[in-house]
Amino acid sequence: LCGASHLLLRVESATSPAFLAKAATLASALAAPIDT
């Protein structure tokens, strides 16, 4: 409902694949590109 122009995603060596998959799902739902 809030929406976003973009997601600003911070990633590092410890970032889990499960979190990245959820971030991709959220970006798709918001139709928001990802900046990293």
All heavy atoms as atom14 arrays in JSON, in Angstrom:
{
  "sequence": "LCGASHLLLRVESATSPAFLAKAATLASALAAPIDT",
  "atom14_mask": [
    [1, 1, 1, 1, 1, 1, 1, 1, 0, 0, 0, 0, 0, 0],
    [1, 1, 1, 1, 1, 1, 0, 0, 0, 0, 0, 0, 0, 0],
    [1, 1, 1, 1, 0, 0, 0, 0, 0, 0, 0, 0, 0, 0],
    [1, 1, 1, 1, 1, 0, 0, 0, 0, 0, 0, 0, 0, 0],
    [1, 1, 1, 1, 1, 1, 0, 0, 0, 0, 0, 0, 0, 0],
    [1, 1, 1, 1, 1, 1, 1, 1, 1, 1, 0, 0, 0, 0],
    [1, 1, 1, 1, 1, 1, 1, 1, 0, 0, 0, 0, 0, 0],
    [1, 1, 1, 1, 1, 1, 1, 1, 0, 0, 0, 0, 0, 0],
    [1, 1, 1, 1, 1, 1, 1, 1, 0, 0, 0, 0, 0, 0],
    [1, 1, 1, 1, 1, 1, 1, 1, 1, 1, 1, 0, 0, 0],
    [1, 1, 1, 1, 1, 1, 1, 0, 0, 0, 0, 0, 0, 0],
    [1, 1, 1, 1, 1, 1, 1, 1, 1, 0, 0, 0, 0, 0],
    [1, 1, 1, 1, 1, 1, 0, 0, 0, 0, 0, 0, 0, 0],
    [1, 1, 1, 1, 1, 0, 0, 0, 0, 0, 0, 0, 0, 0],
    [1, 1, 1, 1, 1, 1, 1, 0, 0, 0, 0, 0, 0, 0],
    [1, 1, 1, 1, 1, 1, 0, 0, 0, 0, 0, 0, 0, 0],
    [1, 1, 1, 1, 1, 1, 1, 0, 0, 0, 0, 0, 0, 0],
    [1, 1, 1, 1, 1, 0, 0, 0, 0, 0, 0, 0, 0, 0],
    [1, 1, 1, 1, 1, 1, 1, 1, 1, 1, 1, 0, 0, 0],
    [1, 1, 1, 1, 1, 1, 1, 1, 0, 0, 0, 0, 0, 0],
    [1, 1, 1, 1, 1, 0, 0, 0, 0, 0, 0, 0, 0, 0],
    [1, 1, 1, 1, 1, 1, 1, 1, 1, 0, 0, 0, 0, 0],
    [1, 1, 1, 1, 1, 0, 0, 0, 0, 0, 0, 0, 0, 0],
    [1, 1, 1, 1, 1, 0, 0, 0, 0, 0, 0, 0, 0, 0],
    [1, 1, 1, 1, 1, 1, 1, 0, 0, 0, 0, 0, 0, 0],
    [1, 1, 1, 1, 1, 1, 1, 1, 0, 0, 0, 0, 0, 0],
    [1, 1, 1, 1, 1, 0, 0, 0, 0, 0, 0, 0, 0, 0],
    [1, 1, 1, 1, 1, 1, 0, 0, 0, 0, 0, 0, 0, 0],
    [1, 1, 1, 1, 1, 0, 0, 0, 0, 0, 0, 0, 0, 0],
    [1, 1, 1, 1, 1, 1, 1, 1, 0, 0, 0, 0, 0, 0],
    [1, 1, 1, 1, 1, 0, 0, 0, 0, 0, 0, 0, 0, 0],
    [1, 1, 1, 1, 1, 0, 0, 0, 0, 0, 0, 0, 0, 0],
    [1, 1, 1, 1, 1, 1, 1, 0, 0, 0, 0, 0, 0, 0],
    [1, 1, 1, 1, 1, 1, 1, 1, 0, 0, 0, 0, 0, 0],
    [1, 1, 1, 1, 1, 1, 1, 1, 0, 0, 0, 0, 0, 0],
    [1, 1, 1, 1, 1, 1, 1, 0, 0, 0, 0, 0, 0, 0]
  ],
  "atom14_positions": [
    [[0.83, -1.2, 0.0], [0.0, 0.0, 0.0], [0.86, 1.25, 0.0], [0.56, 2.23, -0.69], [-0.92, -0.01, 1.22], [-1.81, 1.23, 1.41], [-2.81, 1.36, 0.27], [-2.54, 1.15, 2.75], [0.0, 0.0, 0.0], [0.0, 0.0, 0.0], [0.0, 0.0, 0.0], [0.0, 0.0, 0.0], [0.0, 0.0, 0.0], [0.0, 0.0, 0.0]],
    [[1.95, 1.22, 0.77], [2.86, 2.37, 0.8], [3.56, 2.54, -0.54], [3.63, 3.63, -1.08], [3.89, 2.18, 1.91], [5.13, 3.49, 2.01], [0.0, 0.0, 0.0], [0.0, 0.0, 0.0], [0.0, 0.0, 0.0], [0.0, 0.0, 0.0], [0.0, 0.0, 0.0], [0.0, 0.0, 0.0], [0.0, 0.0, 0.0], [0.0, 0.0, 0.0]],
    [[4.08, 1.42, -1.06], [4.8, 1.48, -2.32], [6.2, 2.03, -2.17], [6.62, 2.48, -1.1], [0.0, 0.0, 0.0], [0.0, 0.0, 0.0], [0.0, 0.0, 0.0], [0.0, 0.0, 0.0], [0.0, 0.0, 0.0], [0.0, 0.0, 0.0], [0.0, 0.0, 0.0], [0.0, 0.0, 0.0], [0.0, 0.0, 0.0], [0.0, 0.0, 0.0]],
    [[6.96, 2.0, -3.25], [8.33, 2.51, -3.26], [8.74, 2.78, -4.7], [8.4, 2.02, -5.6], [9.29, 1.51, -2.62], [0.0, 0.0, 0.0], [0.0, 0.0, 0.0], [0.0, 0.0, 0.0], [0.0, 0.0, 0.0], [0.0, 0.0, 0.0], [0.0, 0.0, 0.0], [0.0, 0.0, 0.0], [0.0, 0.0, 0.0], [0.0, 0.0, 0.0]],
    [[9.49, 3.84, -4.91], [10.06, 4.11, -6.22], [11.16, 3.11, -6.55], [11.41, 2.81, -7.72], [10.62, 5.53, -6.29], [9.63, 6.5, -6.0], [0.0, 0.0, 0.0], [0.0, 0.0, 0.0], [0.0, 0.0, 0.0], [0.0, 0.0, 0.0], [0.0, 0.0, 0.0], [0.0, 0.0, 0.0], [0.0, 0.0, 0.0], [0.0, 0.0, 0.0]],
    [[11.84, 2.62, -5.49], [12.89, 1.63, -5.65], [13.16, 1.01, -4.29], [12.79, 1.57, -3.25], [14.18, 2.25, -6.21], [14.75, 3.34, -5.35], [14.22, 4.61, -5.3], [15.81, 3.35, -4.49], [14.9, 5.36, -4.47], [15.87, 4.62, -3.95], [0.0, 0.0, 0.0], [0.0, 0.0, 0.0], [0.0, 0.0, 0.0], [0.0, 0.0, 0.0]],
    [[13.79, -0.14, -4.28], [14.31, -0.73, -3.06], [15.82, -0.55, -3.06], [16.48, -0.85, -4.05], [13.97, -2.22, -2.98], [12.49, -2.6, -2.88], [12.34, -4.11, -2.8], [11.83, -1.94, -1.67], [0.0, 0.0, 0.0], [0.0, 0.0, 0.0], [0.0, 0.0, 0.0], [0.0, 0.0, 0.0], [0.0, 0.0, 0.0], [0.0, 0.0, 0.0]],
    [[16.34, -0.06, -1.95], [17.78, 0.13, -1.8], [18.29, -1.01, -0.93], [18.16, -0.99, 0.29], [18.09, 1.49, -1.18], [19.57, 1.84, -1.02], [20.29, 1.85, -2.36], [19.73, 3.19, -0.33], [0.0, 0.0, 0.0], [0.0, 0.0, 0.0], [0.0, 0.0, 0.0], [0.0, 0.0, 0.0], [0.0, 0.0, 0.0], [0.0, 0.0, 0.0]],
    [[18.87, -2.0, -1.57], [19.21, -3.27, -0.93], [20.68, -3.32, -0.56], [21.55, -3.19, -1.42], [18.88, -4.41, -1.9], [19.17, -5.84, -1.46], [18.29, -6.22, -0.29], [18.92, -6.79, -2.64], [0.0, 0.0, 0.0], [0.0, 0.0, 0.0], [0.0, 0.0, 0.0], [0.0, 0.0, 0.0], [0.0, 0.0, 0.0], [0.0, 0.0, 0.0]],
    [[20.97, -3.48, 0.74], [22.36, -3.63, 1.18], [22.69, -5.11, 1.26], [21.99, -5.88, 1.93], [22.6, -2.98, 2.53], [24.05, -3.09, 3.01], [24.36, -2.23, 4.2], [24.3, -0.81, 3.86], [24.68, 0.16, 4.7], [25.14, -0.13, 5.91], [24.6, 1.43, 4.32], [0.0, 0.0, 0.0], [0.0, 0.0, 0.0], [0.0, 0.0, 0.0]],
    [[23.77, -5.51, 0.58], [24.18, -6.91, 0.57], [25.65, -7.01, 0.94], [26.44, -6.11, 0.66], [23.94, -7.56, -0.82], [22.45, -7.66, -1.12], [24.65, -6.79, -1.92], [0.0, 0.0, 0.0], [0.0, 0.0, 0.0], [0.0, 0.0, 0.0], [0.0, 0.0, 0.0], [0.0, 0.0, 0.0], [0.0, 0.0, 0.0], [0.0, 0.0, 0.0]],
    [[25.99, -8.11, 1.6], [27.37, -8.4, 2.0], [27.55, -9.9, 2.0], [26.62, -10.66, 1.68], [27.66, -7.79, 3.36], [26.67, -8.16, 4.44], [26.92, -7.39, 5.73], [28.03, -7.54, 6.28], [26.03, -6.64, 6.16], [0.0, 0.0, 0.0], [0.0, 0.0, 0.0], [0.0, 0.0, 0.0], [0.0, 0.0, 0.0], [0.0, 0.0, 0.0]],
    [[28.74, -10.36, 2.37], [29.04, -11.78, 2.26], [28.11, -12.63, 3.12], [27.81, -13.78, 2.77], [30.5, -12.04, 2.65], [30.74, -11.61, 3.99], [0.0, 0.0, 0.0], [0.0, 0.0, 0.0], [0.0, 0.0, 0.0], [0.0, 0.0, 0.0], [0.0, 0.0, 0.0], [0.0, 0.0, 0.0], [0.0, 0.0, 0.0], [0.0, 0.0, 0.0]],
    [[27.62, -12.08, 4.25], [26.77, -12.86, 5.15], [25.3, -12.84, 4.75], [24.48, -13.52, 5.37], [26.91, -12.34, 6.58], [0.0, 0.0, 0.0], [0.0, 0.0, 0.0], [0.0, 0.0, 0.0], [0.0, 0.0, 0.0], [0.0, 0.0, 0.0], [0.0, 0.0, 0.0], [0.0, 0.0, 0.0], [0.0, 0.0, 0.0], [0.0, 0.0, 0.0]],
    [[24.94, -12.06, 3.74], [23.54, -11.98, 3.33], [23.07, -13.33, 2.79], [23.72, -13.93, 1.94], [23.35, -10.9, 2.25], [23.82, -9.65, 2.76], [21.89, -10.76, 1.86], [0.0, 0.0, 0.0], [0.0, 0.0, 0.0], [0.0, 0.0, 0.0], [0.0, 0.0, 0.0], [0.0, 0.0, 0.0], [0.0, 0.0, 0.0], [0.0, 0.0, 0.0]],
    [[21.93, -13.8, 3.29], [21.48, -15.15, 2.95], [20.72, -15.18, 1.63], [20.04, -14.22, 1.27], [20.58, -15.69, 4.06], [19.33, -15.02, 4.06], [0.0, 0.0, 0.0], [0.0, 0.0, 0.0], [0.0, 0.0, 0.0], [0.0, 0.0, 0.0], [0.0, 0.0, 0.0], [0.0, 0.0, 0.0], [0.0, 0.0, 0.0], [0.0, 0.0, 0.0]],
    [[20.81, -16.29, 0.9], [20.01, -16.46, -0.32], [18.51, -16.35, -0.06], [17.78, -15.84, -0.9], [20.4, -17.86, -0.81], [21.77, -18.09, -0.24], [21.75, -17.42, 1.1], [0.0, 0.0, 0.0], [0.0, 0.0, 0.0], [0.0, 0.0, 0.0], [0.0, 0.0, 0.0], [0.0, 0.0, 0.0], [0.0, 0.0, 0.0], [0.0, 0.0, 0.0]],
    [[18.05, -16.83, 1.11], [16.62, -16.76, 1.42], [16.14, -15.31, 1.49], [15.06, -14.97, 0.98], [16.33, -17.48, 2.73], [0.0, 0.0, 0.0], [0.0, 0.0, 0.0], [0.0, 0.0, 0.0], [0.0, 0.0, 0.0], [0.0, 0.0, 0.0], [0.0, 0.0, 0.0], [0.0, 0.0, 0.0], [0.0, 0.0, 0.0], [0.0, 0.0, 0.0]],
    [[16.95, -14.45, 2.11], [16.58, -13.04, 2.18], [16.56, -12.4, 0.79], [15.65, -11.64, 0.46], [17.57, -12.28, 3.08], [17.45, -10.79, 2.96], [16.36, -10.11, 3.48], [18.44, -10.06, 2.3], [16.25, -8.73, 3.34], [18.34, -8.69, 2.17], [17.24, -8.02, 2.69], [0.0, 0.0, 0.0], [0.0, 0.0, 0.0], [0.0, 0.0, 0.0]],
    [[17.54, -12.71, -0.04], [17.57, -12.14, -1.39], [16.35, -12.57, -2.19], [15.77, -11.76, -2.94], [18.85, -12.57, -2.11], [20.17, -12.01, -1.54], [21.35, -12.58, -2.3], [20.18, -10.48, -1.59], [0.0, 0.0, 0.0], [0.0, 0.0, 0.0], [0.0, 0.0, 0.0], [0.0, 0.0, 0.0], [0.0, 0.0, 0.0], [0.0, 0.0, 0.0]],
    [[15.92, -13.82, -2.01], [14.73, -14.28, -2.72], [13.5, -13.51, -2.27], [12.64, -13.13, -3.09], [14.54, -15.78, -2.49], [0.0, 0.0, 0.0], [0.0, 0.0, 0.0], [0.0, 0.0, 0.0], [0.0, 0.0, 0.0], [0.0, 0.0, 0.0], [0.0, 0.0, 0.0], [0.0, 0.0, 0.0], [0.0, 0.0, 0.0], [0.0, 0.0, 0.0]],
    [[13.38, -13.25, -0.96], [12.25, -12.48, -0.45], [12.3, -11.03, -0.93], [11.26, -10.44, -1.24], [12.23, -12.53, 1.07], [11.9, -13.89, 1.65], [11.95, -13.87, 3.18], [11.64, -15.23, 3.76], [11.73, -15.24, 5.25], [0.0, 0.0, 0.0], [0.0, 0.0, 0.0], [0.0, 0.0, 0.0], [0.0, 0.0, 0.0], [0.0, 0.0, 0.0]],
    [[13.5, -10.46, -1.0], [13.64, -9.1, -1.51], [13.2, -9.02, -2.96], [12.53, -8.06, -3.38], [15.08, -8.62, -1.35], [0.0, 0.0, 0.0], [0.0, 0.0, 0.0], [0.0, 0.0, 0.0], [0.0, 0.0, 0.0], [0.0, 0.0, 0.0], [0.0, 0.0, 0.0], [0.0, 0.0, 0.0], [0.0, 0.0, 0.0], [0.0, 0.0, 0.0]],
    [[13.56, -10.04, -3.76], [13.14, -10.07, -5.16], [11.63, -10.17, -5.28], [11.01, -9.53, -6.14], [13.81, -11.24, -5.87], [0.0, 0.0, 0.0], [0.0, 0.0, 0.0], [0.0, 0.0, 0.0], [0.0, 0.0, 0.0], [0.0, 0.0, 0.0], [0.0, 0.0, 0.0], [0.0, 0.0, 0.0], [0.0, 0.0, 0.0], [0.0, 0.0, 0.0]],
    [[11.01, -10.95, -4.4], [9.55, -11.08, -4.4], [8.89, -9.75, -4.07], [7.9, -9.35, -4.7], [9.12, -12.16, -3.4], [9.69, -13.42, -3.79], [7.61, -12.29, -3.36], [0.0, 0.0, 0.0], [0.0, 0.0, 0.0], [0.0, 0.0, 0.0], [0.0, 0.0, 0.0], [0.0, 0.0, 0.0], [0.0, 0.0, 0.0], [0.0, 0.0, 0.0]],
    [[9.42, -9.06, -3.06], [8.86, -7.75, -2.7], [9.02, -6.76, -3.84], [8.07, -6.01, -4.16], [9.55, -7.22, -1.44], [9.11, -5.82, -0.98], [7.64, -5.79, -0.64], [9.96, -5.34, 0.19], [0.0, 0.0, 0.0], [0.0, 0.0, 0.0], [0.0, 0.0, 0.0], [0.0, 0.0, 0.0], [0.0, 0.0, 0.0], [0.0, 0.0, 0.0]],
    [[10.17, -6.73, -4.47], [10.39, -5.81, -5.59], [9.4, -6.08, -6.71], [8.87, -5.14, -7.32], [11.83, -5.94, -6.1], [0.0, 0.0, 0.0], [0.0, 0.0, 0.0], [0.0, 0.0, 0.0], [0.0, 0.0, 0.0], [0.0, 0.0, 0.0], [0.0, 0.0, 0.0], [0.0, 0.0, 0.0], [0.0, 0.0, 0.0], [0.0, 0.0, 0.0]],
    [[9.14, -7.35, -6.99], [8.17, -7.7, -8.02], [6.78, -7.24, -7.64], [6.03, -6.69, -8.47], [8.2, -9.21, -8.26], [7.24, -9.59, -9.22], [0.0, 0.0, 0.0], [0.0, 0.0, 0.0], [0.0, 0.0, 0.0], [0.0, 0.0, 0.0], [0.0, 0.0, 0.0], [0.0, 0.0, 0.0], [0.0, 0.0, 0.0], [0.0, 0.0, 0.0]],
    [[6.4, -7.45, -6.37], [5.07, -7.06, -5.92], [4.88, -5.55, -5.99], [3.78, -5.05, -6.28], [4.84, -7.56, -4.5], [0.0, 0.0, 0.0], [0.0, 0.0, 0.0], [0.0, 0.0, 0.0], [0.0, 0.0, 0.0], [0.0, 0.0, 0.0], [0.0, 0.0, 0.0], [0.0, 0.0, 0.0], [0.0, 0.0, 0.0], [0.0, 0.0, 0.0]],
    [[5.94, -4.79, -5.72], [5.87, -3.33, -5.74], [6.13, -2.75, -7.12], [5.97, -1.54, -7.32], [6.9, -2.74, -4.76], [6.75, -3.07, -3.28], [7.88, -2.45, -2.48], [5.41, -2.58, -2.75], [0.0, 0.0, 0.0], [0.0, 0.0, 0.0], [0.0, 0.0, 0.0], [0.0, 0.0, 0.0], [0.0, 0.0, 0.0], [0.0, 0.0, 0.0]],
    [[6.55, -3.6, -8.06], [6.99, -3.15, -9.38], [8.07, -2.09, -9.21], [8.11, -1.06, -9.91], [5.81, -2.6, -10.19], [0.0, 0.0, 0.0], [0.0, 0.0, 0.0], [0.0, 0.0, 0.0], [0.0, 0.0, 0.0], [0.0, 0.0, 0.0], [0.0, 0.0, 0.0], [0.0, 0.0, 0.0], [0.0, 0.0, 0.0], [0.0, 0.0, 0.0]],
    [[8.98, -2.35, -8.26], [10.03, -1.4, -7.93], [11.38, -1.98, -8.29], [11.71, -3.11, -7.89], [10.0, -1.07, -6.44], [0.0, 0.0, 0.0], [0.0, 0.0, 0.0], [0.0, 0.0, 0.0], [0.0, 0.0, 0.0], [0.0, 0.0, 0.0], [0.0, 0.0, 0.0], [0.0, 0.0, 0.0], [0.0, 0.0, 0.0], [0.0, 0.0, 0.0]],
    [[12.21, -1.26, -9.03], [13.57, -1.75, -9.32], [14.41, -1.8, -8.06], [14.11, -1.14, -7.05], [14.1, -0.73, -10.32], [13.31, 0.51, -10.05], [11.95, 0.06, -9.62], [0.0, 0.0, 0.0], [0.0, 0.0, 0.0], [0.0, 0.0, 0.0], [0.0, 0.0, 0.0], [0.0, 0.0, 0.0], [0.0, 0.0, 0.0], [0.0, 0.0, 0.0]],
    [[15.48, -2.58, -8.11], [16.38, -2.72, -6.97], [17.69, -2.01, -7.26], [18.31, -2.21, -8.3], [16.64, -4.2, -6.66], [15.38, -4.84, -6.07], [17.81, -4.37, -5.7], [15.53, -6.31, -5.74], [0.0, 0.0, 0.0], [0.0, 0.0, 0.0], [0.0, 0.0, 0.0], [0.0, 0.0, 0.0], [0.0, 0.0, 0.0], [0.0, 0.0, 0.0]],
    [[18.08, -1.13, -6.34], [19.42, -0.56, -6.31], [20.17, -1.27, -5.19], [19.57, -1.66, -4.18], [19.39, 0.94, -6.04], [18.71, 1.73, -7.16], [18.44, 1.14, -8.22], [18.45, 2.93, -6.95], [0.0, 0.0, 0.0], [0.0, 0.0, 0.0], [0.0, 0.0, 0.0], [0.0, 0.0, 0.0], [0.0, 0.0, 0.0], [0.0, 0.0, 0.0]],
    [[21.48, -1.43, -5.31], [22.21, -2.17, -4.3], [23.37, -1.37, -3.72], [24.09, -0.66, -4.44], [22.77, -3.5, -4.87], [23.55, -3.22, -6.03], [21.66, -4.46, -5.2], [0.0, 0.0, 0.0], [0.0, 0.0, 0.0], [0.0, 0.0, 0.0], [0.0, 0.0, 0.0], [0.0, 0.0, 0.0], [0.0, 0.0, 0.0], [0.0, 0.0, 0.0]]
  ]
}
